[in-house]
C-alpha atoms as a PDB file:
ATOM      1  CA  MET A   1      69.404  99.056  47.759  1.00  0.00           C
ATOM      2  CA  THR A   2      66.203  97.018  47.341  1.00  0.00           C
ATOM      3  CA  SER A   3      67.604  95.387  44.198  1.00  0.00           C
ATOM      4  CA  GLN A   4      70.140  93.643  46.424  1.00  0.00           C
ATOM      5  CA  ILE A   5      67.405  91.921  48.425  1.00  0.00           C
ATOM      6  CA  ARG A   6      66.623  88.484  47.052  1.00  0.00           C
ATOM      7  CA  PRO A   7      65.861  84.937  48.205  1.00  0.00           C
ATOM      8  CA  GLY A   8      68.846  82.663  48.725  1.00  0.00           C
ATOM      9  CA  ALA A   9      69.857  80.106  46.104  1.00  0.00           C
ATOM     10  CA  ARG A  10      67.485  77.430  47.464  1.00  0.00           C
ATOM     11  CA  ASN A  11      64.845  79.725  48.989  1.00  0.00           C
ATOM     12  CA  LEU A  12      65.108  77.512  52.066  1.00  0.00           C
ATOM     13  CA  ILE A  13      66.310  78.012  55.623  1.00  0.00           C
ATOM     14  CA  THR A  14      69.432  76.084  54.627  1.00  0.00           C
ATOM     15  CA  ASP A  15      70.592  79.098  52.611  1.00  0.00           C
ATOM     16  CA  VAL A  16      71.914  80.110  56.029  1.00  0.00           C
ATOM     17  CA  GLY A  17      75.308  78.419  55.769  1.00  0.00           C
ATOM     18  CA  GLY A  18      75.940  75.442  58.021  1.00  0.00           C
ATOM     19  CA  PHE A  19      72.325  74.431  58.615  1.00  0.00           C
ATOM     20  CA  ARG A  20      70.703  71.233  57.390  1.00  0.00           C
ATOM     21  CA  VAL A  21      67.116  70.016  57.682  1.00  0.00           C
ATOM     22  CA  GLY A  22      65.957  66.436  58.007  1.00  0.00           C
ATOM     23  CA  ASN A  23      62.420  65.116  57.628  1.00  0.00           C
ATOM     24  CA  ALA A  24      60.766  61.834  58.476  1.00  0.00           C
ATOM     25  CA  GLY A  25      57.095  60.937  58.228  1.00  0.00           C
ATOM     26  CA  ASN A  26      54.551  58.155  58.361  1.00  0.00           C
ATOM     27  CA  ASP A  27      51.731  58.460  55.821  1.00  0.00           C
ATOM     28  CA  THR A  28      49.589  55.841  57.569  1.00  0.00           C
ATOM     29  CA  ILE A  29      49.667  57.687  60.875  1.00  0.00           C
ATOM     30  CA  LYS A  30      49.686  61.029  59.003  1.00  0.00           C
ATOM     31  CA  THR A  31      52.415  62.575  61.104  1.00  0.00           C
ATOM     32  CA  GLY A  32      56.106  63.317  61.079  1.00  0.00           C
ATOM     33  CA  THR A  33      59.125  65.117  62.483  1.00  0.00           C
ATOM     34  CA  THR A  34      61.508  67.820  61.236  1.00  0.00           C
ATOM     35  CA  VAL A  35      65.003  68.495  62.616  1.00  0.00           C
ATOM     36  CA  LEU A  36      67.251  71.534  62.150  1.00  0.00           C
ATOM     37  CA  ILE A  37      70.904  70.670  62.709  1.00  0.00           C
ATOM     38  CA  ALA A  38      74.155  72.587  62.162  1.00  0.00           C
ATOM     39  CA  ASP A  39      77.788  71.625  61.780  1.00  0.00           C
ATOM     40  CA  ALA A  40      78.428  72.909  65.318  1.00  0.00           C
ATOM     41  CA  PRO A  41      76.347  74.055  68.308  1.00  0.00           C
ATOM     42  CA  PHE A  42      74.489  77.303  67.611  1.00  0.00           C
ATOM     43  CA  THR A  43      72.933  80.097  69.644  1.00  0.00           C
ATOM     44  CA  ALA A  44      69.166  79.898  70.011  1.00  0.00           C
ATOM     45  CA  GLY A  45      66.202  81.710  71.502  1.00  0.00           C
ATOM     46  CA  VAL A  46      62.450  81.156  71.558  1.00  0.00           C
ATOM     47  CA  HIS A  47      59.190  83.042  71.887  1.00  0.00           C
ATOM     48  CA  VAL A  48      55.793  81.460  72.541  1.00  0.00           C
ATOM     49  CA  MET A  49      52.585  83.328  71.702  1.00  0.00           C
ATOM     50  CA  GLY A  50      49.989  80.578  71.419  1.00  0.00           C
ATOM     51  CA  GLY A  51      47.742  79.678  74.320  1.00  0.00           C
ATOM     52  CA  ALA A  52      48.302  75.910  74.161  1.00  0.00           C
ATOM     53  CA  PRO A  53      52.020  75.174  73.608  1.00  0.00           C
ATOM     54  CA  GLY A  54      53.779  71.820  73.858  1.00  0.00           C
ATOM     55  CA  THR A  55      57.513  72.163  74.376  1.00  0.00           C
ATOM     56  CA  ARG A  56      60.766  70.588  75.513  1.00  0.00           C
ATOM     57  CA  GLU A  57      63.721  72.480  77.015  1.00  0.00           C
ATOM     58  CA  THR A  58      62.484  75.932  76.054  1.00  0.00           C
ATOM     59  CA  ASP A  59      63.150  77.336  79.545  1.00  0.00           C
ATOM     60  CA  LEU A  60      66.904  76.988  79.064  1.00  0.00           C
ATOM     61  CA  LEU A  61      66.726  79.306  76.009  1.00  0.00           C
ATOM     62  CA  ALA A  62      65.908  82.319  78.180  1.00  0.00           C
ATOM     63  CA  PRO A  63      68.677  84.961  78.033  1.00  0.00           C
ATOM     64  CA  ASP A  64      69.514  84.524  81.734  1.00  0.00           C
ATOM     65  CA  LYS A  65      70.147  80.778  81.541  1.00  0.00           C
ATOM     66  CA  THR A  66      73.580  79.107  81.595  1.00  0.00           C
ATOM     67  CA  VAL A  67      73.557  77.111  78.359  1.00  0.00           C
ATOM     68  CA  GLU A  68      73.510  79.508  75.395  1.00  0.00           C
ATOM     69  CA  GLN A  69      73.897  77.072  72.493  1.00  0.00           C
ATOM     70  CA  VAL A  70      71.962  74.038  71.328  1.00  0.00           C
ATOM     71  CA  ASP A  71      72.795  71.019  69.188  1.00  0.00           C
ATOM     72  CA  ALA A  72      69.514  70.769  67.262  1.00  0.00           C
ATOM     73  CA  LEU A  73      65.937  72.017  67.150  1.00  0.00           C
ATOM     74  CA  VAL A  74      62.975  69.690  66.611  1.00  0.00           C
ATOM     75  CA  LEU A  75      59.479  70.327  65.246  1.00  0.00           C
ATOM     76  CA  SER A  76      57.103  67.386  65.462  1.00  0.00           C
ATOM     77  CA  GLY A  77      53.549  66.237  65.101  1.00  0.00           C
ATOM     78  CA  GLY A  78      51.974  64.004  67.712  1.00  0.00           C
ATOM     79  CA  SER A  79      50.962  66.416  70.456  1.00  0.00           C
ATOM     80  CA  ALA A  80      52.587  65.388  73.767  1.00  0.00           C
ATOM     81  CA  PHE A  81      53.618  62.045  72.254  1.00  0.00           C
ATOM     82  CA  GLY A  82      55.682  63.935  69.689  1.00  0.00           C
ATOM     83  CA  LEU A  83      57.974  65.405  72.322  1.00  0.00           C
ATOM     84  CA  ASP A  84      59.682  62.011  72.274  1.00  0.00           C
ATOM     85  CA  ALA A  85      61.101  62.863  68.827  1.00  0.00           C
ATOM     86  CA  ALA A  86      63.694  65.081  70.493  1.00  0.00           C
ATOM     87  CA  SER A  87      64.802  62.095  72.609  1.00  0.00           C
ATOM     88  CA  GLY A  88      65.593  60.161  69.447  1.00  0.00           C
ATOM     89  CA  VAL A  89      67.617  63.104  68.148  1.00  0.00           C
ATOM     90  CA  ALA A  90      69.457  63.475  71.459  1.00  0.00           C
ATOM     91  CA  ASP A  91      70.359  59.772  71.578  1.00  0.00           C
ATOM     92  CA  ALA A  92      71.707  59.848  68.026  1.00  0.00           C
ATOM     93  CA  LEU A  93      73.747  63.014  68.658  1.00  0.00           C
ATOM     94  CA  ARG A  94      75.244  61.524  71.820  1.00  0.00           C
ATOM     95  CA  ALA A  95      76.290  58.472  69.806  1.00  0.00           C
ATOM     96  CA  GLN A  96      78.008  60.884  67.385  1.00  0.00           C
ATOM     97  CA  GLY A  97      79.980  62.442  70.251  1.00  0.00           C
ATOM     98  CA  ARG A  98      77.972  65.663  70.348  1.00  0.00           C
ATOM     99  CA  GLY A  99      76.553  67.410  73.389  1.00  0.00           C
ATOM    100  CA  PHE A 100      77.177  69.730  76.322  1.00  0.00           C
ATOM    101  CA  ALA A 101      80.138  68.381  78.291  1.00  0.00           C
ATOM    102  CA  VAL A 102      79.489  67.664  81.978  1.00  0.00           C
ATOM    103  CA  GLY A 103      82.433  65.795  83.450  1.00  0.00           C
ATOM    104  CA  ASP A 104      82.945  62.743  81.290  1.00  0.00           C
ATOM    105  CA  GLN A 105      79.372  62.877  79.963  1.00  0.00           C
ATOM    106  CA  LEU A 106      77.899  64.542  76.874  1.00  0.00           C
ATOM    107  CA  VAL A 107      74.352  65.874  77.061  1.00  0.00           C
ATOM    108  CA  PRO A 108      72.932  66.987  73.677  1.00  0.00           C
ATOM    109  CA  ILE A 109      70.774  70.084  74.049  1.00  0.00           C
ATOM    110  CA  VAL A 110      67.716  69.528  71.833  1.00  0.00           C
ATOM    111  CA  PRO A 111      64.762  71.867  72.411  1.00  0.00           C
ATOM    112  CA  GLY A 112      61.566  70.931  70.610  1.00  0.00           C
ATOM    113  CA  ALA A 113      57.947  71.859  70.015  1.00  0.00           C
ATOM    114  CA  ILE A 114      54.913  69.889  68.884  1.00  0.00           C
ATOM    115  CA  LEU A 115      51.662  70.403  67.009  1.00  0.00           C
ATOM    116  CA  PHE A 116      48.389  68.506  67.416  1.00  0.00           C
ATOM    117  CA  ASP A 117      47.657  66.166  64.477  1.00  0.00           C
ATOM    118  CA  LEU A 118      45.950  63.281  66.303  1.00  0.00           C
ATOM    119  CA  ILE A 119      42.519  63.642  64.627  1.00  0.00           C
ATOM    120  CA  ASN A 120      43.526  64.215  61.009  1.00  0.00           C
ATOM    121  CA  GLY A 121      42.383  60.922  59.448  1.00  0.00           C
ATOM    122  CA  GLY A 122      45.520  58.900  60.188  1.00  0.00           C
ATOM    123  CA  ASP A 123      45.673  55.616  62.088  1.00  0.00           C
ATOM    124  CA  LYS A 124      46.848  56.512  65.595  1.00  0.00           C
ATOM    125  CA  ASN A 125      46.406  53.016  67.034  1.00  0.00           C
ATOM    126  CA  TRP A 126      50.142  52.458  67.400  1.00  0.00           C
ATOM    127  CA  ALA A 127      51.519  49.764  69.731  1.00  0.00           C
ATOM    128  CA  GLU A 128      54.578  51.862  70.541  1.00  0.00           C
ATOM    129  CA  ASN A 129      55.133  55.626  70.416  1.00  0.00           C
ATOM    130  CA  PRO A 130      56.674  56.178  66.942  1.00  0.00           C
ATOM    131  CA  TYR A 131      58.180  59.617  67.518  1.00  0.00           C
ATOM    132  CA  LYS A 132      61.551  58.668  68.976  1.00  0.00           C
ATOM    133  CA  ARG A 133      62.202  56.629  65.830  1.00  0.00           C
ATOM    134  CA  LEU A 134      60.926  59.450  63.614  1.00  0.00           C
ATOM    135  CA  GLY A 135      63.322  61.840  65.337  1.00  0.00           C
ATOM    136  CA  THR A 136      66.256  59.513  64.722  1.00  0.00           C
ATOM    137  CA  GLU A 137      65.272  59.083  61.070  1.00  0.00           C
ATOM    138  CA  ALA A 138      64.812  62.820  60.526  1.00  0.00           C
ATOM    139  CA  LEU A 139      68.287  63.533  61.889  1.00  0.00           C
ATOM    140  CA  ALA A 140      69.789  60.878  59.624  1.00  0.00           C
ATOM    141  CA  ASN A 141      68.024  62.469  56.635  1.00  0.00           C
ATOM    142  CA  ALA A 142      69.380  65.974  57.286  1.00  0.00           C
ATOM    143  CA  THR A 143      70.600  67.738  54.141  1.00  0.00           C
ATOM    144  CA  ALA A 144      70.758  71.211  52.627  1.00  0.00           C
ATOM    145  CA  ASP A 145      68.012  70.401  50.098  1.00  0.00           C
ATOM    146  CA  PHE A 146      64.628  69.202  51.293  1.00  0.00           C
ATOM    147  CA  SER A 147      61.022  69.049  50.113  1.00  0.00           C
ATOM    148  CA  LEU A 148      58.113  71.226  51.211  1.00  0.00           C
ATOM    149  CA  GLY A 149      54.453  70.499  51.782  1.00  0.00           C
ATOM    150  CA  SER A 150      53.234  67.195  53.186  1.00  0.00           C
ATOM    151  CA  VAL A 151      56.560  66.112  54.676  1.00  0.00           C
ATOM    152  CA  GLY A 152      58.196  66.021  58.086  1.00  0.00           C
ATOM    153  CA  ALA A 153      56.267  67.790  60.829  1.00  0.00           C
ATOM    154  CA  GLY A 154      53.843  68.978  58.145  1.00  0.00           C
ATOM    155  CA  THR A 155      52.875  65.469  56.987  1.00  0.00           C
ATOM    156  CA  GLY A 156      49.448  65.505  58.618  1.00  0.00           C
ATOM    157  CA  ALA A 157      49.023  69.220  59.200  1.00  0.00           C
ATOM    158  CA  THR A 158      45.739  71.043  58.616  1.00  0.00           C
ATOM    159  CA  THR A 159      44.367  74.598  58.654  1.00  0.00           C
ATOM    160  CA  ALA A 160      40.894  76.112  58.781  1.00  0.00           C
ATOM    161  CA  SER A 161      40.545  75.830  55.003  1.00  0.00           C
ATOM    162  CA  PHE A 162      43.096  73.495  53.356  1.00  0.00           C
ATOM    163  CA  LYS A 163      45.780  71.010  54.303  1.00  0.00           C
ATOM    164  CA  GLY A 164      48.755  72.556  56.046  1.00  0.00           C
ATOM    165  CA  GLY A 165      52.341  71.442  55.622  1.00  0.00           C
ATOM    166  CA  LEU A 166      56.016  72.259  55.952  1.00  0.00           C
ATOM    167  CA  GLY A 167      57.234  75.534  54.455  1.00  0.00           C
ATOM    168  CA  SER A 168      60.487  77.428  54.139  1.00  0.00           C
ATOM    169  CA  ALA A 169      61.849  80.632  52.611  1.00  0.00           C
ATOM    170  CA  SER A 170      64.967  82.798  52.754  1.00  0.00           C
ATOM    171  CA  VAL A 171      66.329  86.258  51.950  1.00  0.00           C
ATOM    172  CA  VAL A 172      69.774  87.796  51.553  1.00  0.00           C
ATOM    173  CA  LEU A 173      69.932  91.331  52.953  1.00  0.00           C
ATOM    174  CA  PRO A 174      72.036  94.262  51.699  1.00  0.00           C
ATOM    175  CA  SER A 175      74.188  93.838  54.815  1.00  0.00           C
ATOM    176  CA  GLY A 176      75.206  90.420  53.494  1.00  0.00           C
ATOM    177  CA  HIS A 177      73.357  88.550  56.236  1.00  0.00           C
ATOM    178  CA  THR A 178      71.064  85.684  55.245  1.00  0.00           C
ATOM    179  CA  VAL A 179      67.782  85.009  57.030  1.00  0.00           C
ATOM    180  CA  GLY A 180      65.651  81.893  56.621  1.00  0.00           C
ATOM    181  CA  ALA A 181      62.417  80.486  58.003  1.00  0.00           C
ATOM    182  CA  LEU A 182      61.107  76.950  58.500  1.00  0.00           C
ATOM    183  CA  VAL A 183      57.546  76.288  59.635  1.00  0.00           C
ATOM    184  CA  ALA A 184      55.061  73.481  60.204  1.00  0.00           C
ATOM    185  CA  VAL A 185      51.632  75.016  59.514  1.00  0.00           C
ATOM    186  CA  ASN A 186      48.821  73.331  61.424  1.00  0.00           C
ATOM    187  CA  ALA A 187      46.825  76.447  62.197  1.00  0.00           C
ATOM    188  CA  LEU A 188      43.410  77.029  63.680  1.00  0.00           C
ATOM    189  CA  GLY A 189      43.275  79.962  61.266  1.00  0.00           C
ATOM    190  CA  SER A 190      43.431  80.095  57.481  1.00  0.00           C
ATOM    191  CA  ALA A 191      46.323  80.922  55.146  1.00  0.00           C
ATOM    192  CA  VAL A 192      43.959  81.977  52.345  1.00  0.00           C
ATOM    193  CA  VAL A 193      41.543  84.881  51.999  1.00  0.00           C
ATOM    194  CA  GLY A 194      37.964  83.642  52.223  1.00  0.00           C
ATOM    195  CA  GLU A 195      37.644  80.391  50.265  1.00  0.00           C
ATOM    196  CA  GLY A 196      40.860  81.123  48.355  1.00  0.00           C
ATOM    197  CA  PRO A 197      42.879  80.909  46.233  1.00  0.00           C
ATOM    198  CA  HIS A 198      44.704  84.099  47.279  1.00  0.00           C
ATOM    199  CA  PHE A 199      47.081  83.922  50.226  1.00  0.00           C
ATOM    200  CA  TRP A 200      47.138  86.437  53.061  1.00  0.00           C
ATOM    201  CA  ALA A 201      50.927  86.530  52.595  1.00  0.00           C
ATOM    202  CA  ALA A 202      50.620  87.672  48.952  1.00  0.00           C
ATOM    203  CA  PRO A 203      52.107  91.173  49.484  1.00  0.00           C
ATOM    204  CA  PHE A 204      55.392  89.554  50.539  1.00  0.00           C
ATOM    205  CA  GLU A 205      55.670  86.938  47.791  1.00  0.00           C
ATOM    206  CA  GLN A 206      58.960  86.702  45.902  1.00  0.00           C
ATOM    207  CA  GLY A 207      58.372  85.828  42.240  1.00  0.00           C
ATOM    208  CA  ASP A 208      55.741  83.103  42.010  1.00  0.00           C
ATOM    209  CA  GLU A 209      56.944  81.065  44.997  1.00  0.00           C
ATOM    210  CA  PHE A 210      53.344  80.292  45.984  1.00  0.00           C
ATOM    211  CA  GLY A 211      51.537  80.751  42.703  1.00  0.00           C
ATOM    212  CA  GLY A 212      52.057  84.428  41.878  1.00  0.00           C
ATOM    213  CA  LEU A 213      48.337  85.200  42.133  1.00  0.00           C
ATOM    214  CA  GLY A 214      48.789  88.557  43.817  1.00  0.00           C
ATOM    215  CA  VAL A 215      46.485  90.011  46.431  1.00  0.00           C
ATOM    216  CA  ALA A 216      42.773  89.254  46.729  1.00  0.00           C
ATOM    217  CA  SER A 217      40.215  91.688  45.311  1.00  0.00           C
ATOM    218  CA  ALA A 218      37.658  91.080  48.079  1.00  0.00           C
ATOM    219  CA  TYR A 219      37.974  90.301  51.774  1.00  0.00           C
ATOM    220  CA  PRO A 220      35.662  88.722  54.370  1.00  0.00           C
ATOM    221  CA  GLU A 221      34.349  90.467  57.472  1.00  0.00           C
ATOM    222  CA  PRO A 222      37.567  91.041  59.464  1.00  0.00           C
ATOM    223  CA  HIS A 223      36.024  90.672  62.922  1.00  0.00           C
ATOM    224  CA  LEU A 224      34.855  87.092  62.395  1.00  0.00           C
ATOM    225  CA  PRO A 225      37.705  84.565  62.237  1.00  0.00           C
ATOM    226  CA  PRO A 226      37.309  81.846  59.565  1.00  0.00           C
ATOM    227  CA  THR A 227      37.790  78.944  61.962  1.00  0.00           C
ATOM    228  CA  LYS A 228      36.030  75.799  63.083  1.00  0.00           C
ATOM    229  CA  LEU A 229      37.095  75.335  66.668  1.00  0.00           C
ATOM    230  CA  ALA A 230      38.989  72.066  67.172  1.00  0.00           C
ATOM    231  CA  ALA A 231      37.842  70.746  63.799  1.00  0.00           C
ATOM    232  CA  HIS A 232      41.205  69.066  63.283  1.00  0.00           C
ATOM    233  CA  ALA A 233      43.120  70.787  66.122  1.00  0.00           C
ATOM    234  CA  ASN A 234      46.009  73.091  65.637  1.00  0.00           C
ATOM    235  CA  THR A 235      49.339  74.896  66.320  1.00  0.00           C
ATOM    236  CA  THR A 236      51.911  76.467  64.033  1.00  0.00           C
ATOM    237  CA  ILE A 237      55.552  75.981  65.045  1.00  0.00           C
ATOM    238  CA  GLY A 238      58.596  77.386  63.297  1.00  0.00           C
ATOM    239  CA  ILE A 239      62.243  78.373  63.280  1.00  0.00           C
ATOM    240  CA  VAL A 240      63.968  81.479  61.935  1.00  0.00           C
ATOM    241  CA  ALA A 241      67.713  81.400  61.373  1.00  0.00           C
ATOM    242  CA  THR A 242      70.558  83.705  60.404  1.00  0.00           C
ATOM    243  CA  ASP A 243      74.297  83.658  59.891  1.00  0.00           C
ATOM    244  CA  ALA A 244      74.625  86.843  61.976  1.00  0.00           C
ATOM    245  CA  MET A 245      76.520  86.865  65.247  1.00  0.00           C
ATOM    246  CA  LEU A 246      73.717  87.157  67.800  1.00  0.00           C
ATOM    247  CA  SER A 247      73.520  86.692  71.535  1.00  0.00           C
ATOM    248  CA  GLN A 248      70.817  84.576  73.122  1.00  0.00           C
ATOM    249  CA  ALA A 249      68.916  87.762  73.976  1.00  0.00           C
ATOM    250  CA  GLN A 250      69.148  88.964  70.360  1.00  0.00           C
ATOM    251  CA  CYS A 251      67.928  85.568  69.132  1.00  0.00           C
ATOM    252  CA  THR A 252      64.980  85.864  71.485  1.00  0.00           C
ATOM    253  CA  ARG A 253      64.157  89.283  70.049  1.00  0.00           C
ATOM    254  CA  MET A 254      64.370  87.912  66.485  1.00  0.00           C
ATOM    255  CA  ALA A 255      62.006  85.068  67.414  1.00  0.00           C
ATOM    256  CA  THR A 256      59.598  87.617  68.911  1.00  0.00           C
ATOM    257  CA  ALA A 257      59.669  89.778  65.786  1.00  0.00           C
ATOM    258  CA  ALA A 258      59.153  86.733  63.561  1.00  0.00           C
ATOM    259  CA  HIS A 259      55.704  86.178  65.076  1.00  0.00           C
ATOM    260  CA  ASP A 260      54.560  89.105  62.934  1.00  0.00           C
ATOM    261  CA  GLY A 261      54.917  86.652  60.050  1.00  0.00           C
ATOM    262  CA  PHE A 262      52.267  84.420  61.625  1.00  0.00           C
ATOM    263  CA  ALA A 263      49.901  87.382  61.858  1.00  0.00           C
ATOM    264  CA  ARG A 264      50.572  88.410  58.240  1.00  0.00           C
ATOM    265  CA  ALA A 265      49.970  84.925  56.815  1.00  0.00           C
ATOM    266  CA  LEU A 266      47.363  83.290  59.082  1.00  0.00           C
ATOM    267  CA  PHE A 267      43.923  84.647  59.960  1.00  0.00           C
ATOM    268  CA  PRO A 268      43.657  84.481  62.949  1.00  0.00           C
ATOM    269  CA  ALA A 269      46.929  83.548  64.671  1.00  0.00           C
ATOM    270  CA  HIS A 270      48.032  83.142  68.303  1.00  0.00           C
ATOM    271  CA  THR A 271      44.632  81.935  69.495  1.00  0.00           C
ATOM    272  CA  PRO A 272      43.985  80.334  72.893  1.00  0.00           C
ATOM    273  CA  MET A 273      43.810  76.943  71.147  1.00  0.00           C
ATOM    274  CA  ASP A 274      47.053  77.311  69.147  1.00  0.00           C
ATOM    275  CA  GLY A 275      50.457  76.552  70.613  1.00  0.00           C
ATOM    276  CA  ASP A 276      52.180  79.002  68.262  1.00  0.00           C
ATOM    277  CA  LEU A 277      55.933  79.103  68.877  1.00  0.00           C
ATOM    278  CA  ILE A 278      59.040  80.285  67.023  1.00  0.00           C
ATOM    279  CA  PHE A 279      62.651  79.347  67.722  1.00  0.00           C
ATOM    280  CA  ALA A 280      65.474  81.569  66.481  1.00  0.00           C
ATOM    281  CA  ALA A 281      68.925  80.235  65.598  1.00  0.00           C
ATOM    282  CA  ALA A 282      72.189  82.005  64.769  1.00  0.00           C
ATOM    283  CA  THR A 283      75.460  80.490  63.556  1.00  0.00           C
ATOM    284  CA  GLY A 284      77.522  83.621  64.267  1.00  0.00           C
ATOM    285  CA  GLN A 285      79.394  83.453  60.972  1.00  0.00           C
ATOM    286  CA  LYS A 286      79.014  87.187  60.217  1.00  0.00           C
ATOM    287  CA  SER A 287      79.372  90.052  62.663  1.00  0.00           C
ATOM    288  CA  LEU A 288      76.901  92.894  62.970  1.00  0.00           C
ATOM    289  CA  GLY A 289      77.903  96.217  61.436  1.00  0.00           C
ATOM    290  CA  HIS A 290      75.520  98.433  63.411  1.00  0.00           C
ATOM    291  CA  VAL A 291      73.808  96.515  66.193  1.00  0.00           C
ATOM    292  CA  ALA A 292      70.593  98.539  66.414  1.00  0.00           C
ATOM    293  CA  SER A 293      69.855  98.740  62.693  1.00  0.00           C
ATOM    294  CA  ASP A 294      71.096  95.255  61.809  1.00  0.00           C
ATOM    295  CA  THR A 295      68.999  93.536  64.474  1.00  0.00           C
ATOM    296  CA  LEU A 296      65.967  95.574  63.375  1.00  0.00           C
ATOM    297  CA  TYR A 297      66.406  94.448  59.768  1.00  0.00           C
ATOM    298  CA  LEU A 298      67.036  90.847  60.812  1.00  0.00           C
ATOM    299  CA  GLY A 299      63.818  90.736  62.826  1.00  0.00           C
ATOM    300  CA  HIS A 300      61.779  92.288  60.033  1.00  0.00           C
ATOM    301  CA  ALA A 301      63.280  89.897  57.476  1.00  0.00           C
ATOM    302  CA  ALA A 302      62.522  86.958  59.776  1.00  0.00           C
ATOM    303  CA  ALA A 303      58.858  87.985  59.963  1.00  0.00           C
ATOM    304  CA  THR A 304      58.578  88.407  56.197  1.00  0.00           C
ATOM    305  CA  CYS A 305      60.332  85.101  55.487  1.00  0.00           C
ATOM    306  CA  MET A 306      58.014  83.400  57.964  1.00  0.00           C
ATOM    307  CA  ALA A 307      54.917  84.759  56.200  1.00  0.00           C
ATOM    308  CA  ARG A 308      56.226  83.504  52.855  1.00  0.00           C
ATOM    309  CA  ALA A 309      57.146  80.113  54.328  1.00  0.00           C
ATOM    310  CA  ILE A 310      53.620  79.673  55.708  1.00  0.00           C
ATOM    311  CA  ALA A 311      52.055  80.267  52.296  1.00  0.00           C
ATOM    312  CA  ARG A 312      54.579  77.926  50.654  1.00  0.00           C
ATOM    313  CA  ALA A 313      53.664  75.187  53.145  1.00  0.00           C
ATOM    314  CA  VAL A 314      49.999  75.258  52.121  1.00  0.00           C
ATOM    315  CA  PHE A 315      50.830  75.773  48.436  1.00  0.00           C
ATOM    316  CA  HIS A 316      53.031  72.643  48.325  1.00  0.00           C
ATOM    317  CA  ALA A 317      50.797  70.341  50.400  1.00  0.00           C
ATOM    318  CA  ARG A 318      49.569  67.315  48.467  1.00  0.00           C
ATOM    319  CA  ALA A 319      46.515  65.075  48.748  1.00  0.00           C
ATOM    320  CA  ALA A 320      46.838  61.673  50.414  1.00  0.00           C
ATOM    321  CA  ALA A 321      44.580  58.757  51.295  1.00  0.00           C
ATOM    322  CA  ASN A 322      42.066  59.343  54.103  1.00  0.00           C
ATOM    323  CA  ASP A 323      42.588  63.102  54.160  1.00  0.00           C
ATOM    324  CA  LEU A 324      39.917  65.061  56.008  1.00  0.00           C
ATOM    325  CA  GLN A 325      40.690  68.184  53.981  1.00  0.00           C
ATOM    326  CA  SER A 326      41.435  69.070  50.391  1.00  0.00           C
ATOM    327  CA  SER A 327      44.846  70.440  49.492  1.00  0.00           C
ATOM    328  CA  TRP A 328      45.197  73.892  47.928  1.00  0.00           C
ATOM    329  CA  SER A 329      46.948  72.315  44.936  1.00  0.00           C
ATOM    330  CA  ASN A 330      44.060  69.927  44.272  1.00  0.00           C
ATOM    331  CA  THR A 331      41.565  72.764  44.424  1.00  0.00           C
ATOM    332  CA  TYR A 332      43.421  75.545  42.636  1.00  0.00           C
ATOM    333  CA  GLY A 333      46.713  74.130  41.353  1.00  0.00           C
END
């Protein structure tokens, strides 16, 4: 059975049919926005485990709320300023005739989350908040194929050791369901063991998707986290997606399970200073065969894909002018 398990054709979240990802960034400001959009509204859930989250419309994703589907999900840099990216996406979707119908009005449902990248070496002396425009641009750029590393919400991301970035990964399960992950890694913790180059996520690597170096041969003292508090600030935000037919409650459970991927790939994760959050999205294209076992496998696959996506984000990050950190590729690539 294990021989049937493999990454999707792109090894991206867009291997889940119907989804597209758009990125927009500003290299001078060192920030950006990432949008996940589908051909039609999709079911979504969310789980927050960080102590310092920044969010928009996450309350309505609770299983007891009225609206069960969303039009897009947004990940953005910019701290609280970056929440405006979702407004740009909502305006553009409304102009396209998309949104939740209320009388003769359409209200696009666009939950979002932000990371803190305001002290990463970029010029933040803007005259006007740039994130609404970045959201609009990211939506317009949405496609099935997209780049990883220093793009979108990962443009100015950092970690405790190297530059962070945008990562993605996917897997096709024996059940026929596809699971994918998308993440902007801006963690207080580190994605590498000690000074590197080995990734904490190495046991889950598929092929050489983040270098093929295998596991480390030595490990640091596990009780002391390799962090510099607020050195560049923090938060890792992500999305896991599937083509399975899931309810909002089942999406919430998949998002919860996916946080194991943070813990497998970042050391430490879910700190009081991180706003760690994961959305889950389901297109409902394929029914569940056995609810209990299928949802278990989907959650486990989401966690493993998330761990791989985190390592790929750091692996693909590239050096840029005025960086405060080295990239993994410049050091070990």
